[in-house]
N, C-alpha and C. Protein backbone atom coordinates (compact mmCIF):
# COMPACT_ATOMS: atom_id res chain seq x y z
N MET A 1 -114.52 26.55 38.84
CA MET A 1 -115.78 26.98 39.08
C MET A 1 -116.72 26.70 39.96
N ARG A 2 -116.83 25.50 39.76
CA ARG A 2 -117.57 24.54 40.90
C ARG A 2 -117.43 24.91 42.13
N ARG A 3 -115.91 24.75 42.41
CA ARG A 3 -115.54 25.06 43.78
C ARG A 3 -115.79 26.32 44.43
N ILE A 4 -115.71 27.29 43.48
CA ILE A 4 -116.01 28.72 43.83
C ILE A 4 -117.41 28.84 44.01
N ALA A 5 -118.36 28.52 43.40
CA ALA A 5 -119.91 28.53 43.70
C ALA A 5 -120.01 27.79 44.86
N MET A 6 -119.28 26.63 45.34
CA MET A 6 -119.71 25.94 46.78
C MET A 6 -119.37 26.82 47.73
N LEU A 7 -117.99 27.52 47.55
CA LEU A 7 -117.41 28.54 48.49
C LEU A 7 -118.50 29.43 48.93
N VAL A 8 -119.04 29.95 47.75
CA VAL A 8 -120.06 31.04 47.87
C VAL A 8 -121.27 30.74 48.69
N TYR A 9 -121.63 29.63 48.30
CA TYR A 9 -122.62 28.93 49.00
C TYR A 9 -122.44 28.61 50.43
N ILE A 10 -121.40 28.27 50.63
CA ILE A 10 -120.88 27.87 52.02
C ILE A 10 -120.91 29.30 52.79
N LEU A 11 -120.17 30.12 52.41
CA LEU A 11 -119.98 31.39 52.88
C LEU A 11 -121.64 32.06 53.64
N SER A 12 -122.32 31.82 52.50
CA SER A 12 -123.74 32.52 52.75
C SER A 12 -124.41 31.67 53.61
N LEU A 13 -124.32 30.25 53.84
CA LEU A 13 -124.93 29.50 54.76
C LEU A 13 -124.13 29.97 56.12
N ALA A 14 -122.87 29.95 56.15
CA ALA A 14 -122.19 30.38 57.20
C ALA A 14 -123.02 31.59 57.88
N GLY A 15 -123.21 32.65 56.97
CA GLY A 15 -123.89 33.87 57.80
C GLY A 15 -125.17 33.80 58.18
N ILE A 16 -125.95 32.78 57.39
CA ILE A 16 -127.22 32.65 57.83
C ILE A 16 -127.45 31.74 58.93
N VAL A 17 -126.16 30.90 59.39
CA VAL A 17 -126.11 29.95 60.65
C VAL A 17 -125.76 30.92 61.65
N SER A 18 -125.03 32.04 61.37
CA SER A 18 -124.42 32.61 62.38
C SER A 18 -125.18 33.47 62.82
N ASN A 19 -126.02 34.15 62.06
CA ASN A 19 -127.11 34.88 62.63
C ASN A 19 -128.13 34.20 63.29
N GLY A 20 -128.38 33.06 63.34
CA GLY A 20 -129.25 32.40 64.08
C GLY A 20 -128.53 31.61 65.14
N CYS A 21 -127.48 31.61 65.47
CA CYS A 21 -126.81 31.35 66.50
C CYS A 21 -126.59 32.05 67.90
N GLY A 22 -127.78 32.57 67.86
CA GLY A 22 -127.71 33.45 69.45
C GLY A 22 -126.80 34.55 69.54
N VAL A 23 -126.46 35.34 68.20
CA VAL A 23 -125.79 36.43 68.19
C VAL A 23 -126.96 37.65 68.61
N SER A 24 -126.33 38.25 69.46
CA SER A 24 -127.22 39.49 69.88
C SER A 24 -127.22 40.67 69.15
N TYR A 25 -128.05 41.10 68.40
CA TYR A 25 -127.90 42.40 67.61
C TYR A 25 -127.86 43.74 68.38
N SER A 26 -128.03 43.57 69.64
CA SER A 26 -128.14 44.73 70.51
C SER A 26 -126.60 45.13 70.89
N ASP A 27 -125.58 44.27 70.74
CA ASP A 27 -124.23 44.18 71.13
C ASP A 27 -123.52 45.19 69.88
N PRO A 28 -123.09 46.48 70.58
CA PRO A 28 -122.56 47.40 69.70
C PRO A 28 -121.40 46.86 68.70
N ASP A 29 -120.74 45.75 69.36
CA ASP A 29 -119.48 45.34 68.91
C ASP A 29 -119.64 44.79 67.51
N LEU A 30 -120.99 43.86 67.71
CA LEU A 30 -121.42 43.03 66.53
C LEU A 30 -121.95 43.53 65.38
N LEU A 31 -122.46 44.79 65.80
CA LEU A 31 -123.27 45.40 64.62
C LEU A 31 -122.32 46.16 63.59
N MET A 32 -122.80 46.40 62.39
CA MET A 32 -122.15 46.94 61.38
C MET A 32 -121.29 48.23 62.02
N ALA A 33 -120.02 48.01 61.81
CA ALA A 33 -119.20 49.10 62.50
C ALA A 33 -118.87 50.13 61.49
N GLY A 34 -119.60 51.07 61.27
CA GLY A 34 -119.29 52.05 60.26
C GLY A 34 -119.11 51.38 58.98
N ASN A 35 -118.07 52.09 58.05
CA ASN A 35 -117.73 51.65 57.02
C ASN A 35 -116.28 51.07 56.92
N HIS A 36 -115.66 51.09 57.86
CA HIS A 36 -114.26 50.41 57.79
C HIS A 36 -113.51 50.20 56.52
N GLY A 37 -114.00 50.98 55.63
CA GLY A 37 -113.40 50.77 54.13
C GLY A 37 -113.60 49.68 53.57
N ARG A 38 -114.30 48.67 54.04
CA ARG A 38 -114.43 47.52 53.56
C ARG A 38 -115.88 46.98 53.09
N GLY A 39 -116.85 47.87 53.91
CA GLY A 39 -118.27 47.47 53.69
C GLY A 39 -118.94 46.38 54.13
N GLN A 40 -118.18 45.67 54.95
CA GLN A 40 -118.79 44.29 55.74
C GLN A 40 -119.18 44.47 57.20
N ALA A 41 -119.99 43.63 57.49
CA ALA A 41 -120.40 43.12 58.94
C ALA A 41 -119.06 43.01 59.67
N THR A 42 -118.53 43.56 61.02
CA THR A 42 -117.78 43.06 61.55
C THR A 42 -117.85 41.86 62.35
N TYR A 43 -119.26 41.63 62.59
CA TYR A 43 -119.38 40.19 63.32
C TYR A 43 -119.08 39.07 62.66
N LEU A 44 -118.79 39.27 61.57
CA LEU A 44 -118.41 37.85 60.69
C LEU A 44 -116.97 37.28 61.17
N ASP A 45 -116.15 38.31 61.57
CA ASP A 45 -115.07 37.97 61.98
C ASP A 45 -114.86 37.37 63.41
N LYS A 46 -115.96 37.58 64.08
CA LYS A 46 -116.12 37.04 65.57
C LYS A 46 -116.99 36.01 65.58
N ALA A 47 -117.87 35.70 64.53
CA ALA A 47 -118.91 34.65 64.74
C ALA A 47 -118.38 33.03 64.58
N ALA A 48 -119.07 32.47 65.53
CA ALA A 48 -118.46 31.36 65.73
C ALA A 48 -119.51 30.08 65.32
N ILE A 49 -119.03 29.18 64.48
CA ILE A 49 -119.87 28.16 64.17
C ILE A 49 -119.42 26.85 64.58
N ARG A 50 -120.30 25.97 65.26
CA ARG A 50 -120.13 24.76 65.97
C ARG A 50 -120.04 23.76 64.79
N ASN A 51 -118.97 22.83 64.85
CA ASN A 51 -118.89 21.50 63.99
C ASN A 51 -119.80 20.38 64.42
N GLU A 52 -119.51 19.38 63.81
CA GLU A 52 -120.32 18.06 64.48
C GLU A 52 -119.75 17.77 65.79
N SER A 53 -118.73 18.09 66.06
CA SER A 53 -118.16 17.49 67.26
C SER A 53 -118.38 18.27 68.35
N GLY A 54 -118.94 19.55 68.16
CA GLY A 54 -119.33 20.47 68.97
C GLY A 54 -118.46 21.67 69.39
N VAL A 55 -117.12 21.37 68.65
CA VAL A 55 -115.89 22.62 68.68
C VAL A 55 -116.57 23.40 67.86
N GLU A 56 -116.23 24.95 68.53
CA GLU A 56 -116.68 26.08 67.66
C GLU A 56 -115.41 26.34 66.80
N THR A 57 -115.58 26.74 65.71
CA THR A 57 -114.73 27.31 64.78
C THR A 57 -114.26 28.60 65.07
N ALA A 58 -113.12 29.00 64.94
CA ALA A 58 -112.69 30.53 65.13
C ALA A 58 -113.09 31.45 64.57
N SER A 59 -113.56 31.17 62.93
CA SER A 59 -114.08 32.41 62.30
C SER A 59 -114.88 31.84 60.86
N ALA A 60 -115.63 32.55 60.61
CA ALA A 60 -116.60 32.17 59.35
C ALA A 60 -115.85 31.57 58.23
N MET A 61 -114.55 32.22 57.84
CA MET A 61 -113.98 31.67 56.93
C MET A 61 -113.27 30.24 57.13
N GLU A 62 -112.75 29.98 58.21
CA GLU A 62 -112.51 28.46 58.53
C GLU A 62 -113.69 27.67 58.59
N ALA A 63 -114.90 27.80 59.09
CA ALA A 63 -115.86 27.28 58.82
C ALA A 63 -116.26 26.97 57.55
N ALA A 64 -116.06 28.15 56.58
CA ALA A 64 -116.48 27.63 55.13
C ALA A 64 -115.30 26.81 54.58
N MET A 65 -114.05 26.85 55.13
CA MET A 65 -113.14 25.81 54.52
C MET A 65 -113.26 24.56 55.25
N GLU A 66 -113.74 24.40 56.39
CA GLU A 66 -114.08 23.02 57.23
C GLU A 66 -115.34 22.36 56.02
N TRP A 67 -116.26 23.20 55.79
CA TRP A 67 -117.78 22.85 54.97
C TRP A 67 -117.06 22.57 53.69
N SER A 68 -116.23 23.18 53.23
CA SER A 68 -115.69 22.88 51.72
C SER A 68 -115.07 21.53 51.73
N ASN A 69 -114.06 21.25 52.76
CA ASN A 69 -113.36 20.15 52.82
C ASN A 69 -114.28 18.88 53.09
N ARG A 70 -115.49 19.10 54.03
CA ARG A 70 -116.33 18.11 53.98
C ARG A 70 -117.22 17.77 52.87
N TYR A 71 -117.28 18.92 51.96
CA TYR A 71 -118.17 18.64 50.63
C TYR A 71 -117.13 17.91 49.89
N HIS A 72 -115.99 18.26 49.43
CA HIS A 72 -115.02 17.51 49.04
C HIS A 72 -115.14 16.16 49.27
N GLN A 73 -114.96 15.84 50.43
CA GLN A 73 -114.67 14.38 51.13
C GLN A 73 -116.19 13.70 50.94
N VAL A 74 -117.42 14.24 50.84
CA VAL A 74 -118.43 13.57 50.44
C VAL A 74 -118.67 13.48 49.04
N SER A 75 -118.27 14.44 48.14
CA SER A 75 -117.90 14.11 46.75
C SER A 75 -117.19 13.06 46.54
N SER A 76 -116.13 13.10 46.94
CA SER A 76 -115.31 11.92 46.63
C SER A 76 -115.91 10.59 47.04
N ASP A 77 -116.45 10.35 48.03
CA ASP A 77 -117.03 9.26 48.94
C ASP A 77 -118.27 9.01 47.84
N ARG A 78 -119.17 9.94 47.45
CA ARG A 78 -120.07 9.84 46.44
C ARG A 78 -119.58 9.01 45.08
N ASP A 79 -118.46 9.61 44.66
CA ASP A 79 -117.91 9.11 43.22
C ASP A 79 -117.26 7.66 43.39
N LEU A 80 -116.69 7.60 44.67
CA LEU A 80 -116.32 6.13 44.88
C LEU A 80 -117.49 5.13 44.91
N LEU A 81 -118.65 5.51 45.59
CA LEU A 81 -119.82 4.72 45.79
C LEU A 81 -120.58 4.62 44.41
N GLN A 82 -120.48 5.51 43.67
CA GLN A 82 -121.06 5.55 42.12
C GLN A 82 -120.15 4.53 41.41
N ARG A 83 -118.92 4.50 41.60
CA ARG A 83 -118.02 3.44 40.80
C ARG A 83 -118.15 2.10 41.41
N GLU A 84 -118.32 1.87 42.62
CA GLU A 84 -118.57 0.54 43.10
C GLU A 84 -120.04 0.08 42.67
N ASN A 85 -120.93 1.02 42.62
CA ASN A 85 -122.26 0.67 42.15
C ASN A 85 -122.34 0.18 40.69
N ARG A 86 -121.62 0.90 39.94
CA ARG A 86 -121.39 0.41 38.35
C ARG A 86 -120.64 -0.95 38.35
N GLU A 87 -119.69 -0.94 39.20
CA GLU A 87 -118.61 -2.21 39.05
C GLU A 87 -119.76 -3.50 39.38
N LEU A 88 -120.66 -3.36 40.63
CA LEU A 88 -121.35 -4.05 41.20
C LEU A 88 -122.81 -4.48 39.98
N ALA A 89 -123.03 -3.57 39.31
CA ALA A 89 -124.15 -3.70 38.29
C ALA A 89 -123.20 -4.53 37.18
N GLN A 90 -122.02 -4.28 36.92
CA GLN A 90 -121.73 -5.01 35.80
C GLN A 90 -121.48 -6.49 36.01
N GLU A 91 -121.02 -6.66 37.36
CA GLU A 91 -120.67 -8.17 37.80
C GLU A 91 -122.20 -8.81 37.98
N ASN A 92 -123.07 -8.08 38.53
CA ASN A 92 -124.46 -8.49 38.51
C ASN A 92 -124.74 -9.34 36.88
N GLN A 93 -124.62 -8.42 35.99
CA GLN A 93 -125.03 -8.53 34.55
C GLN A 93 -124.27 -9.90 34.18
N LYS A 94 -122.70 -9.83 34.47
CA LYS A 94 -122.11 -10.87 34.12
C LYS A 94 -122.80 -12.39 34.93
N ILE A 95 -122.85 -12.24 36.18
CA ILE A 95 -123.65 -13.09 36.75
C ILE A 95 -124.79 -13.71 36.26
N LYS A 96 -125.78 -12.57 35.73
CA LYS A 96 -126.93 -13.14 35.18
C LYS A 96 -126.75 -13.82 33.80
N THR A 97 -125.67 -13.34 32.95
CA THR A 97 -125.31 -14.17 31.55
C THR A 97 -124.82 -15.67 32.05
N GLU A 98 -124.11 -15.43 32.98
CA GLU A 98 -123.65 -17.09 33.33
C GLU A 98 -124.76 -17.74 33.74
N LEU A 99 -125.68 -17.20 34.28
CA LEU A 99 -126.81 -18.03 34.91
C LEU A 99 -127.67 -18.44 33.76
N ASP A 100 -128.06 -17.62 32.89
CA ASP A 100 -128.75 -17.91 31.55
C ASP A 100 -127.94 -19.21 30.87
N GLN A 101 -126.78 -18.98 30.80
CA GLN A 101 -126.04 -20.13 30.06
C GLN A 101 -126.10 -21.33 30.68
N LEU A 102 -125.89 -21.45 32.32
CA LEU A 102 -126.12 -22.62 33.01
C LEU A 102 -127.52 -23.26 33.11
N LYS A 103 -128.36 -22.26 32.91
CA LYS A 103 -130.00 -22.86 32.62
C LYS A 103 -129.91 -23.34 31.52
N PHE A 104 -129.37 -22.86 30.41
CA PHE A 104 -129.56 -23.32 28.89
C PHE A 104 -128.74 -24.80 28.91
N ASN A 105 -127.70 -24.85 29.76
CA ASN A 105 -126.97 -26.05 29.54
C ASN A 105 -127.89 -26.97 30.58
N LEU A 106 -128.33 -26.62 31.70
CA LEU A 106 -129.04 -27.78 32.60
C LEU A 106 -130.24 -28.27 31.62
N THR A 107 -130.93 -27.40 30.76
CA THR A 107 -132.01 -27.90 30.10
C THR A 107 -131.70 -28.91 29.28
N ARG A 108 -130.50 -28.54 28.32
CA ARG A 108 -129.93 -29.61 27.42
C ARG A 108 -129.64 -30.79 28.04
N ALA A 109 -129.03 -30.69 29.20
CA ALA A 109 -128.64 -31.95 29.93
C ALA A 109 -129.71 -32.96 30.33
N GLU A 110 -130.84 -32.26 30.97
CA GLU A 110 -131.95 -32.85 31.08
C GLU A 110 -132.77 -33.61 29.79
N LYS A 111 -132.78 -32.87 28.98
CA LYS A 111 -133.23 -33.40 27.82
C LYS A 111 -132.45 -34.57 27.29
N GLU A 112 -131.10 -34.40 27.29
CA GLU A 112 -130.38 -35.58 26.79
C GLU A 112 -130.54 -36.83 27.78
N LEU A 113 -130.46 -36.48 29.16
CA LEU A 113 -130.86 -37.41 30.13
C LEU A 113 -132.04 -38.30 29.84
N SER A 114 -132.98 -37.51 29.61
CA SER A 114 -134.19 -38.09 29.41
C SER A 114 -134.18 -39.02 27.95
N GLU A 115 -133.60 -38.42 27.08
CA GLU A 115 -133.37 -39.42 25.87
C GLU A 115 -132.67 -40.72 26.30
N ALA A 116 -131.45 -40.55 26.81
CA ALA A 116 -130.67 -41.54 27.31
C ALA A 116 -131.59 -42.50 28.22
N ASN A 117 -132.34 -42.09 29.12
CA ASN A 117 -133.27 -42.89 29.92
C ASN A 117 -134.15 -43.97 28.94
N ASP A 118 -134.82 -43.02 27.99
CA ASP A 118 -135.73 -43.69 27.32
C ASP A 118 -135.32 -44.96 26.40
N MET A 119 -133.79 -44.54 26.05
CA MET A 119 -133.28 -45.55 25.06
C MET A 119 -132.91 -46.77 25.92
N MET A 120 -132.36 -46.45 27.17
CA MET A 120 -132.20 -47.35 28.17
C MET A 120 -133.18 -48.41 28.40
N MET A 121 -134.69 -47.70 28.46
CA MET A 121 -135.81 -48.47 28.77
C MET A 121 -136.19 -49.34 27.61
N GLU A 122 -135.99 -48.79 26.44
CA GLU A 122 -136.17 -49.60 25.04
C GLU A 122 -135.21 -50.64 25.07
N MET A 123 -133.98 -50.43 25.31
CA MET A 123 -132.86 -51.53 25.37
C MET A 123 -133.20 -52.68 26.37
N THR A 124 -133.73 -52.36 27.52
CA THR A 124 -134.02 -53.17 28.67
C THR A 124 -135.21 -53.92 28.06
N GLN A 125 -136.32 -53.46 27.52
CA GLN A 125 -137.27 -54.31 26.96
C GLN A 125 -136.93 -55.25 25.85
N ALA A 126 -136.21 -54.72 25.12
CA ALA A 126 -135.64 -55.88 24.15
C ALA A 126 -134.59 -56.82 24.80
N LEU A 127 -133.94 -56.41 25.57
CA LEU A 127 -133.02 -57.61 26.31
C LEU A 127 -134.22 -58.82 26.73
N GLU A 128 -135.19 -58.36 27.51
CA GLU A 128 -136.30 -59.14 28.12
C GLU A 128 -136.82 -59.67 27.01
N LYS A 129 -137.23 -59.07 25.84
CA LYS A 129 -137.83 -59.85 24.69
C LYS A 129 -136.84 -61.06 24.19
N TRP A 130 -135.91 -60.57 24.08
CA TRP A 130 -134.65 -61.70 23.84
C TRP A 130 -134.67 -62.82 24.56
N LYS A 131 -134.69 -62.28 25.95
CA LYS A 131 -134.50 -63.57 27.05
C LYS A 131 -135.66 -64.75 26.75
N THR A 132 -136.80 -63.95 26.70
CA THR A 132 -138.12 -64.75 26.64
C THR A 132 -138.05 -65.78 25.34
N ASP A 133 -137.46 -65.04 24.40
CA ASP A 133 -137.63 -65.80 22.97
C ASP A 133 -136.65 -66.91 23.18
N VAL A 134 -135.25 -66.53 23.77
CA VAL A 134 -134.23 -67.77 23.99
C VAL A 134 -134.65 -68.84 24.80
N LEU A 135 -135.43 -68.40 25.60
CA LEU A 135 -135.91 -69.41 27.01
C LEU A 135 -136.88 -70.07 26.38
N GLY A 136 -137.71 -69.68 25.40
CA GLY A 136 -138.93 -70.14 24.82
C GLY A 136 -138.56 -71.33 23.88
N PHE A 137 -137.52 -71.08 23.10
CA PHE A 137 -136.99 -71.84 21.95
C PHE A 137 -135.91 -72.88 22.81
N ARG A 138 -135.76 -72.82 24.02
CA ARG A 138 -134.88 -73.85 24.94
C ARG A 138 -135.44 -75.36 24.71
N LYS A 139 -136.57 -75.50 24.91
CA LYS A 139 -137.20 -76.81 24.84
C LYS A 139 -137.21 -77.38 23.35
N GLU A 140 -137.54 -76.50 22.31
CA GLU A 140 -137.41 -76.75 21.11
C GLU A 140 -136.05 -77.34 20.57
N MET A 141 -134.90 -76.54 21.23
CA MET A 141 -133.51 -77.05 21.00
C MET A 141 -133.34 -78.16 21.42
N GLN A 142 -133.76 -78.34 22.74
CA GLN A 142 -133.64 -79.58 23.32
C GLN A 142 -134.10 -80.81 22.51
N MET A 143 -135.50 -80.64 22.19
CA MET A 143 -136.02 -81.76 21.24
C MET A 143 -135.07 -81.98 19.90
N ALA A 144 -134.77 -80.99 19.29
CA ALA A 144 -134.04 -81.31 18.24
C ALA A 144 -132.57 -81.94 18.48
N GLN A 145 -132.06 -81.41 19.69
CA GLN A 145 -130.77 -82.26 19.91
C GLN A 145 -131.00 -83.90 20.07
N LYS A 146 -132.14 -84.06 20.95
CA LYS A 146 -132.66 -85.37 21.18
C LYS A 146 -132.98 -86.13 19.64
N VAL A 147 -133.42 -85.44 18.89
CA VAL A 147 -133.88 -86.35 17.66
C VAL A 147 -132.42 -86.51 16.63
N GLN A 148 -131.72 -85.48 17.24
CA GLN A 148 -130.09 -85.63 16.33
C GLN A 148 -129.42 -86.67 16.87
N LEU A 149 -129.48 -86.90 18.26
CA LEU A 149 -128.93 -87.88 18.84
C LEU A 149 -129.53 -89.33 18.64
N GLU A 150 -130.71 -89.41 18.30
CA GLU A 150 -131.46 -90.57 18.28
C GLU A 150 -131.21 -90.89 16.70
N ALA A 151 -131.01 -89.95 15.71
CA ALA A 151 -130.78 -90.12 14.23
C ALA A 151 -129.31 -90.46 14.31
N LEU A 152 -128.20 -90.10 15.07
CA LEU A 152 -126.82 -90.41 15.05
C LEU A 152 -126.94 -91.98 15.80
N ILE A 153 -127.54 -92.20 16.46
CA ILE A 153 -127.66 -93.82 17.01
C ILE A 153 -128.11 -94.56 15.86
N LYS A 154 -129.16 -94.36 15.34
CA LYS A 154 -129.43 -95.29 14.03
C LYS A 154 -128.52 -95.21 12.87
N ILE A 155 -127.90 -94.12 12.63
CA ILE A 155 -126.81 -94.11 11.83
C ILE A 155 -125.59 -95.17 12.13
N LEU A 156 -125.27 -95.17 13.44
CA LEU A 156 -124.17 -96.16 13.79
C LEU A 156 -124.57 -97.34 13.72
N LYS A 157 -125.57 -97.56 14.07
CA LYS A 157 -126.13 -99.09 14.00
C LYS A 157 -126.31 -99.55 12.63
N LEU A 158 -126.59 -98.66 11.53
CA LEU A 158 -126.68 -99.14 10.14
C LEU A 158 -125.24 -99.22 9.67
N ILE A 159 -124.71 -98.48 10.12
CA ILE A 159 -123.12 -98.55 9.78
C ILE A 159 -122.49 -99.97 10.37
N GLY A 160 -123.09 -100.38 11.36
CA GLY A 160 -122.61 -101.61 12.07
C GLY A 160 -121.86 -101.45 13.18
N GLY A 161 -121.81 -100.09 13.85
CA GLY A 161 -121.37 -99.80 14.83
C GLY A 161 -121.92 -100.44 15.99
N ASP A 162 -121.10 -100.67 17.09
CA ASP A 162 -121.79 -100.97 18.24
C ASP A 162 -122.45 -100.06 19.25
N VAL A 163 -123.43 -99.75 19.57
CA VAL A 163 -124.00 -98.64 20.43
C VAL A 163 -124.55 -99.58 21.76
N ASP A 164 -123.87 -98.94 22.86
CA ASP A 164 -124.61 -99.57 24.01
C ASP A 164 -125.89 -98.52 24.28
N LYS A 165 -126.98 -99.31 24.42
CA LYS A 165 -128.30 -98.62 24.61
C LYS A 165 -128.22 -97.86 26.23
N GLU A 166 -127.53 -98.47 27.08
CA GLU A 166 -127.59 -97.69 28.30
C GLU A 166 -126.98 -96.50 28.37
N LEU A 167 -125.83 -96.55 27.84
CA LEU A 167 -125.08 -95.42 27.66
C LEU A 167 -125.67 -94.18 26.94
N VAL A 168 -126.28 -94.49 25.88
CA VAL A 168 -127.22 -93.46 25.11
C VAL A 168 -128.38 -92.72 25.96
N THR A 169 -128.85 -93.67 26.65
CA THR A 169 -129.91 -93.24 27.68
C THR A 169 -129.42 -92.16 28.50
N ILE A 170 -128.36 -92.88 29.20
CA ILE A 170 -127.74 -92.11 30.41
C ILE A 170 -127.17 -90.68 30.08
N ASP A 171 -126.61 -90.50 28.99
CA ASP A 171 -126.14 -89.26 27.92
C ASP A 171 -127.47 -88.38 27.97
N ILE A 172 -128.26 -89.16 27.38
CA ILE A 172 -129.65 -88.11 26.99
C ILE A 172 -130.22 -87.49 28.13
N MET A 173 -130.24 -88.27 29.39
CA MET A 173 -130.92 -88.09 30.61
C MET A 173 -130.00 -86.83 31.09
N GLU A 174 -128.45 -87.24 31.33
CA GLU A 174 -127.52 -85.84 32.01
C GLU A 174 -127.96 -84.80 31.21
N ASN A 175 -128.08 -84.79 29.76
CA ASN A 175 -128.01 -83.58 29.14
C ASN A 175 -129.48 -82.87 29.35
N GLN A 176 -130.33 -83.64 29.56
CA GLN A 176 -131.76 -82.90 29.79
C GLN A 176 -131.61 -82.28 31.13
N THR A 177 -130.95 -83.23 32.17
CA THR A 177 -131.01 -82.65 33.63
C THR A 177 -130.11 -81.38 33.70
N ALA A 178 -128.87 -81.49 32.99
CA ALA A 178 -128.11 -80.12 32.93
C ALA A 178 -128.71 -78.67 32.31
N LYS A 179 -129.38 -79.24 31.28
CA LYS A 179 -130.17 -78.07 30.60
C LYS A 179 -131.52 -77.49 31.43
N VAL A 180 -131.95 -78.41 32.14
CA VAL A 180 -133.23 -78.07 33.16
C VAL A 180 -132.55 -77.11 34.37
N ALA A 181 -131.39 -77.69 34.82
CA ALA A 181 -130.97 -76.76 35.84
C ALA A 181 -130.27 -75.62 35.66
N ALA A 182 -129.69 -75.49 34.23
CA ALA A 182 -129.39 -74.08 33.72
C ALA A 182 -130.68 -73.17 33.27
N GLU A 183 -131.61 -73.95 33.09
CA GLU A 183 -132.88 -73.30 32.69
C GLU A 183 -133.40 -72.34 34.02
N ASN A 184 -133.41 -73.33 34.81
CA ASN A 184 -133.89 -73.07 36.44
C ASN A 184 -133.02 -71.70 36.98
N GLN A 185 -131.63 -71.81 36.67
CA GLN A 185 -131.00 -70.60 36.86
C GLN A 185 -130.88 -69.39 36.31
N ASN A 186 -131.15 -69.40 35.07
CA ASN A 186 -131.23 -68.21 34.27
C ASN A 186 -132.67 -67.53 34.12
N ALA A 187 -133.61 -68.37 34.63
CA ALA A 187 -135.09 -68.16 34.49
C ALA A 187 -135.33 -66.70 35.05
N PRO A 188 -136.06 -65.97 34.77
CA PRO A 188 -136.36 -64.71 35.73
C PRO A 188 -137.31 -64.99 36.84
N ILE A 189 -136.98 -64.39 38.18
CA ILE A 189 -137.72 -64.57 39.34
C ILE A 189 -138.89 -63.75 39.30
N GLU A 190 -139.83 -64.32 39.40
CA GLU A 190 -141.28 -63.38 39.42
C GLU A 190 -141.76 -63.11 40.77
């Protein structure tokens, strides 16, 4: 039905175009030639219509068929382009969904990274506090060890052991020197 309507439209268009294509109405061959039993204008059989390439078609019927074929081709092209457009719209929607998911994941990752960074900062502060506490107690520990050594020396003397005073003094000095060197190595550089 659609094709027939298009054919009628194209034929009427062909008639209008052919009337404006330089047809001389004073030419008796092109005027309505009596009744001929068909009731049509005889010039339609001889009217030539130029196509896009400039070549004239042989008759109006051929021109109508050519226009019909062109219409069919254009309709097919339009359907193809509409299908491609739908596919691209679907792909675009899919990409938007993926983008939203990736944005959500990025936001979550940034939040987790920020929390991890805060936790690392707290751990660093706790470690620095621990270092300060340990280094602060170092001298107290040295004093406690010195007192212990002195007490051990007194106990040895009371028991009757022979303690060389020089040896005890050298050991205490070496321990203190080693501790001071270790303290200087581990002390933070400011």
